[in-house]
Each structure stands twice: as C-alpha cells, then as structure tokens.
C-alpha cells in the first residue's frame, strides 16, 4: 500500500509455548507487526478464552 498500513503478520499463539495453540488451550497471545511509512510497529496482547 502506498499510503496507510502494510501488515507484515498477525498470529495467534499459545502463551506458554508461542507455538500454534491446541484446541483446548485458553491462554493465548495475539502477535502482530505492521509498517506505517518507514516505521515498523510490533505489538502483542494476551487473551484468555472462557473454557
């Protein structure tokens, strides 16, 4: 994209291992990286699913 955000990746992983989560896992982390102009922004958020 010439203007705006360019997403590098968005991933959902296990909080414990950072591997792909198993179906029963409820402690997850969402990881993301994107570019805005010449700046690369990286962020994460921990989420807990009701199990």
PDB file of N, CA and C in Angstrom:
ATOM      1  N   UNK A   1       0.838  -1.184   0.000  1.00  0.00           N
ATOM      2  CA  UNK A   1       0.000   0.000   0.000  1.00  0.00           C
ATOM      3  C   UNK A   1       0.881   1.245   0.000  1.00  0.00           C
ATOM      4  N   UNK A   2       0.559   2.175  -0.850  1.00  0.00           N
ATOM      5  CA  UNK A   2       1.352   3.396  -0.921  1.00  0.00           C
ATOM      6  C   UNK A   2       1.122   4.284   0.294  1.00  0.00           C
ATOM      7  N   UNK A   3      -0.126   4.340   0.748  1.00  0.00           N
ATOM      8  CA  UNK A   3      -0.481   5.123   1.936  1.00  0.00           C
ATOM      9  C   UNK A   3      -1.121   4.190   2.949  1.00  0.00           C
ATOM     10  N   UNK A   4      -0.903   4.467   4.213  1.00  0.00           N
ATOM     11  CA  UNK A   4      -1.545   3.665   5.248  1.00  0.00           C
ATOM     12  C   UNK A   4      -0.684   2.503   5.707  1.00  0.00           C
ATOM     13  N   UNK A   5      -1.349   1.558   6.344  1.00  0.00           N
ATOM     14  CA  UNK A   5      -0.690   0.418   6.981  1.00  0.00           C
ATOM     15  C   UNK A   5      -0.396  -0.689   5.987  1.00  0.00           C
ATOM     16  N   UNK A   6       0.754  -1.335   6.159  1.00  0.00           N
ATOM     17  CA  UNK A   6       1.091  -2.570   5.461  1.00  0.00           C
ATOM     18  C   UNK A   6       1.333  -3.619   6.540  1.00  0.00           C
ATOM     19  N   UNK A   7       0.493  -4.633   6.586  1.00  0.00           N
ATOM     20  CA  UNK A   7       0.586  -5.661   7.630  1.00  0.00           C
ATOM     21  C   UNK A   7       1.668  -6.667   7.249  1.00  0.00           C
ATOM     22  N   UNK A   8       2.614  -6.906   8.164  1.00  0.00           N
ATOM     23  CA  UNK A   8       3.634  -7.938   7.976  1.00  0.00           C
ATOM     24  C   UNK A   8       3.095  -9.294   8.414  1.00  0.00           C
ATOM     25  N   UNK A   9       2.491  -9.349   9.597  1.00  0.00           N
ATOM     26  CA  UNK A   9       1.885 -10.600  10.061  1.00  0.00           C
ATOM     27  C   UNK A   9       0.938 -10.353  11.220  1.00  0.00           C
ATOM     28  N   UNK A  10       0.001 -11.272  11.387  1.00  0.00           N
ATOM     29  CA  UNK A  10      -0.860 -11.375  12.564  1.00  0.00           C
ATOM     30  C   UNK A  10      -0.916 -12.857  12.885  1.00  0.00           C
ATOM     31  N   UNK A  11      -0.650 -13.226  14.137  1.00  0.00           N
ATOM     32  CA  UNK A  11      -0.629 -14.640  14.519  1.00  0.00           C
ATOM     33  C   UNK A  11      -1.250 -14.812  15.899  1.00  0.00           C
ATOM     34  N   UNK A  12      -1.879 -15.951  16.101  1.00  0.00           N
ATOM     35  CA  UNK A  12      -2.411 -16.333  17.413  1.00  0.00           C
ATOM     36  C   UNK A  12      -1.596 -17.525  17.886  1.00  0.00           C
ATOM     37  N   UNK A  13      -1.042 -17.429  19.092  1.00  0.00           N
ATOM     38  CA  UNK A  13      -0.161 -18.468  19.625  1.00  0.00           C
ATOM     39  C   UNK A  13      -0.513 -18.780  21.075  1.00  0.00           C
ATOM     40  N   UNK A  14      -0.010 -19.907  21.544  1.00  0.00           N
ATOM     41  CA  UNK A  14      -0.116 -20.296  22.946  1.00  0.00           C
ATOM     42  C   UNK A  14       0.759 -19.367  23.776  1.00  0.00           C
ATOM     43  N   UNK A  15       0.237 -18.864  24.906  1.00  0.00           N
ATOM     44  CA  UNK A  15       1.057 -18.028  25.796  1.00  0.00           C
ATOM     45  C   UNK A  15       2.221 -18.824  26.374  1.00  0.00           C
ATOM     46  N   UNK A  16       2.021 -20.104  26.627  1.00  0.00           N
ATOM     47  CA  UNK A  16       3.038 -20.926  27.293  1.00  0.00           C
ATOM     48  C   UNK A  16       4.211 -21.270  26.385  1.00  0.00           C
ATOM     49  N   UNK A  17       3.934 -21.523  25.093  1.00  0.00           N
ATOM     50  CA  UNK A  17       4.977 -22.044  24.210  1.00  0.00           C
ATOM     51  C   UNK A  17       5.255 -21.185  22.981  1.00  0.00           C
ATOM     52  N   UNK A  18       4.362 -20.267  22.669  1.00  0.00           N
ATOM     53  CA  UNK A  18       4.390 -19.469  21.437  1.00  0.00           C
ATOM     54  C   UNK A  18       4.257 -20.326  20.178  1.00  0.00           C
ATOM     55  N   UNK A  19       3.818 -21.567  20.352  1.00  0.00           N
ATOM     56  CA  UNK A  19       3.505 -22.437  19.217  1.00  0.00           C
ATOM     57  C   UNK A  19       2.030 -22.285  18.878  1.00  0.00           C
ATOM     58  N   UNK A  20       1.609 -22.862  17.759  1.00  0.00           N
ATOM     59  CA  UNK A  20       0.190 -22.848  17.403  1.00  0.00           C
ATOM     60  C   UNK A  20      -0.600 -23.471  18.549  1.00  0.00           C
ATOM     61  N   UNK A  21      -1.697 -22.846  18.959  1.00  0.00           N
ATOM     62  CA  UNK A  21      -2.434 -23.358  20.118  1.00  0.00           C
ATOM     63  C   UNK A  21      -3.153 -24.665  19.831  1.00  0.00           C
ATOM     64  N   UNK A  22      -3.279 -25.476  20.875  1.00  0.00           N
ATOM     65  CA  UNK A  22      -4.066 -26.698  20.807  1.00  0.00           C
ATOM     66  C   UNK A  22      -5.531 -26.327  21.019  1.00  0.00           C
ATOM     67  N   UNK A  23      -6.476 -27.149  20.546  1.00  0.00           N
ATOM     68  CA  UNK A  23      -7.899 -26.799  20.646  1.00  0.00           C
ATOM     69  C   UNK A  23      -8.379 -26.464  22.059  1.00  0.00           C
ATOM     70  N   UNK A  24      -7.838 -27.110  23.086  1.00  0.00           N
ATOM     71  CA  UNK A  24      -8.324 -26.889  24.454  1.00  0.00           C
ATOM     72  C   UNK A  24      -7.649 -25.703  25.152  1.00  0.00           C
ATOM     73  N   UNK A  25      -6.619 -25.115  24.557  1.00  0.00           N
ATOM     74  CA  UNK A  25      -5.903 -24.018  25.221  1.00  0.00           C
ATOM     75  C   UNK A  25      -6.763 -22.765  25.309  1.00  0.00           C
ATOM     76  N   UNK A  26      -6.684 -22.107  26.456  1.00  0.00           N
ATOM     77  CA  UNK A  26      -7.459 -20.880  26.649  1.00  0.00           C
ATOM     78  C   UNK A  26      -6.574 -19.656  26.882  1.00  0.00           C
ATOM     79  N   UNK A  27      -5.293 -19.853  27.175  1.00  0.00           N
ATOM     80  CA  UNK A  27      -4.362 -18.735  27.382  1.00  0.00           C
ATOM     81  C   UNK A  27      -3.597 -18.511  26.079  1.00  0.00           C
ATOM     82  N   UNK A  28      -3.971 -17.462  25.364  1.00  0.00           N
ATOM     83  CA  UNK A  28      -3.415 -17.206  24.042  1.00  0.00           C
ATOM     84  C   UNK A  28      -2.787 -15.821  23.990  1.00  0.00           C
ATOM     85  N   UNK A  29      -1.995 -15.588  22.951  1.00  0.00           N
ATOM     86  CA  UNK A  29      -1.431 -14.267  22.695  1.00  0.00           C
ATOM     87  C   UNK A  29      -1.608 -13.970  21.204  1.00  0.00           C
ATOM     88  N   UNK A  30      -2.020 -12.752  20.906  1.00  0.00           N
ATOM     89  CA  UNK A  30      -2.141 -12.298  19.521  1.00  0.00           C
ATOM     90  C   UNK A  30      -0.923 -11.428  19.239  1.00  0.00           C
ATOM     91  N   UNK A  31      -0.165 -11.787  18.207  1.00  0.00           N
ATOM     92  CA  UNK A  31       1.062 -11.086  17.837  1.00  0.00           C
ATOM     93  C   UNK A  31       0.846 -10.409  16.487  1.00  0.00           C
ATOM     94  N   UNK A  32       1.362  -9.203  16.322  1.00  0.00           N
ATOM     95  CA  UNK A  32       1.180  -8.500  15.051  1.00  0.00           C
ATOM     96  C   UNK A  32       2.355  -7.569  14.784  1.00  0.00           C
ATOM     97  N   UNK A  33       2.641  -7.390  13.498  1.00  0.00           N
ATOM     98  CA  UNK A  33       3.635  -6.411  13.060  1.00  0.00           C
ATOM     99  C   UNK A  33       3.108  -5.758  11.791  1.00  0.00           C
ATOM    100  N   UNK A  34       3.307  -4.456  11.695  1.00  0.00           N
ATOM    101  CA  UNK A  34       2.853  -3.712  10.524  1.00  0.00           C
ATOM    102  C   UNK A  34       3.765  -2.509  10.320  1.00  0.00           C
ATOM    103  N   UNK A  35       3.730  -1.991   9.110  1.00  0.00           N
ATOM    104  CA  UNK A  35       4.523  -0.807   8.776  1.00  0.00           C
ATOM    105  C   UNK A  35       3.595   0.365   8.471  1.00  0.00           C
ATOM    106  N   UNK A  36       4.013   1.514   8.942  1.00  0.00           N
ATOM    107  CA  UNK A  36       3.330   2.763   8.627  1.00  0.00           C
ATOM    108  C   UNK A  36       4.420   3.707   8.148  1.00  0.00           C
ATOM    109  N   UNK A  37       4.483   3.881   6.844  1.00  0.00           N
ATOM    110  CA  UNK A  37       5.594   4.641   6.273  1.00  0.00           C
ATOM    111  C   UNK A  37       6.884   3.880   6.507  1.00  0.00           C
ATOM    112  N   UNK A  38       7.888   4.540   7.059  1.00  0.00           N
ATOM    113  CA  UNK A  38       9.163   3.890   7.323  1.00  0.00           C
ATOM    114  C   UNK A  38       9.273   3.279   8.706  1.00  0.00           C
ATOM    115  N   UNK A  39       8.183   3.281   9.463  1.00  0.00           N
ATOM    116  CA  UNK A  39       8.208   2.781  10.836  1.00  0.00           C
ATOM    117  C   UNK A  39       7.548   1.414  10.917  1.00  0.00           C
ATOM    118  N   UNK A  40       8.230   0.463  11.560  1.00  0.00           N
ATOM    119  CA  UNK A  40       7.654  -0.865  11.786  1.00  0.00           C
ATOM    120  C   UNK A  40       7.176  -0.930  13.229  1.00  0.00           C
ATOM    121  N   UNK A  41       5.909  -1.269  13.399  1.00  0.00           N
ATOM    122  CA  UNK A  41       5.300  -1.362  14.722  1.00  0.00           C
ATOM    123  C   UNK A  41       5.025  -2.823  15.043  1.00  0.00           C
ATOM    124  N   UNK A  42       5.400  -3.243  16.242  1.00  0.00           N
ATOM    125  CA  UNK A  42       5.210  -4.622  16.688  1.00  0.00           C
ATOM    126  C   UNK A  42       4.441  -4.567  18.001  1.00  0.00           C
ATOM    127  N   UNK A  43       3.417  -5.429  18.136  1.00  0.00           N
ATOM    128  CA  UNK A  43       2.624  -5.407  19.360  1.00  0.00           C
ATOM    129  C   UNK A  43       2.102  -6.804  19.654  1.00  0.00           C
ATOM    130  N   UNK A  44       1.644  -6.992  20.877  1.00  0.00           N
ATOM    131  CA  UNK A  44       1.029  -8.256  21.275  1.00  0.00           C
ATOM    132  C   UNK A  44       0.011  -7.970  22.362  1.00  0.00           C
ATOM    133  N   UNK A  45      -0.937  -8.882  22.490  1.00  0.00           N
ATOM    134  CA  UNK A  45      -1.936  -8.778  23.553  1.00  0.00           C
ATOM    135  C   UNK A  45      -2.268 -10.183  24.027  1.00  0.00           C
ATOM    136  N   UNK A  46      -2.257 -10.370  25.344  1.00  0.00           N
ATOM    137  CA  UNK A  46      -2.626 -11.658  25.925  1.00  0.00           C
ATOM    138  C   UNK A  46      -4.137 -11.716  26.073  1.00  0.00           C
ATOM    139  N   UNK A  47      -4.716 -12.849  25.712  1.00  0.00           N
ATOM    140  CA  UNK A  47      -6.163 -13.035  25.836  1.00  0.00           C
ATOM    141  C   UNK A  47      -6.434 -14.364  26.518  1.00  0.00           C
ATOM    142  N   UNK A  48      -7.494 -14.397  27.284  1.00  0.00           N
ATOM    143  CA  UNK A  48      -7.938 -15.625  27.927  1.00  0.00           C
ATOM    144  C   UNK A  48      -9.336 -15.951  27.443  1.00  0.00           C
ATOM    145  N   UNK A  49      -9.515 -17.153  26.953  1.00  0.00           N
ATOM    146  CA  UNK A  49     -10.820 -17.583  26.475  1.00  0.00           C
ATOM    147  C   UNK A  49     -11.558 -18.305  27.587  1.00  0.00           C
ATOM    148  N   UNK A  50     -12.847 -18.091  27.684  1.00  0.00           N
ATOM    149  CA  UNK A  50     -13.659 -18.826  28.656  1.00  0.00           C
ATOM    150  C   UNK A  50     -13.686 -20.286  28.242  1.00  0.00           C
ATOM    151  N   UNK A  51     -13.372 -21.170  29.148  1.00  0.00           N
ATOM    152  CA  UNK A  51     -13.302 -22.582  28.799  1.00  0.00           C
ATOM    153  C   UNK A  51     -14.250 -23.334  29.592  1.00  0.00           C
TER     154      UNK A  51
END
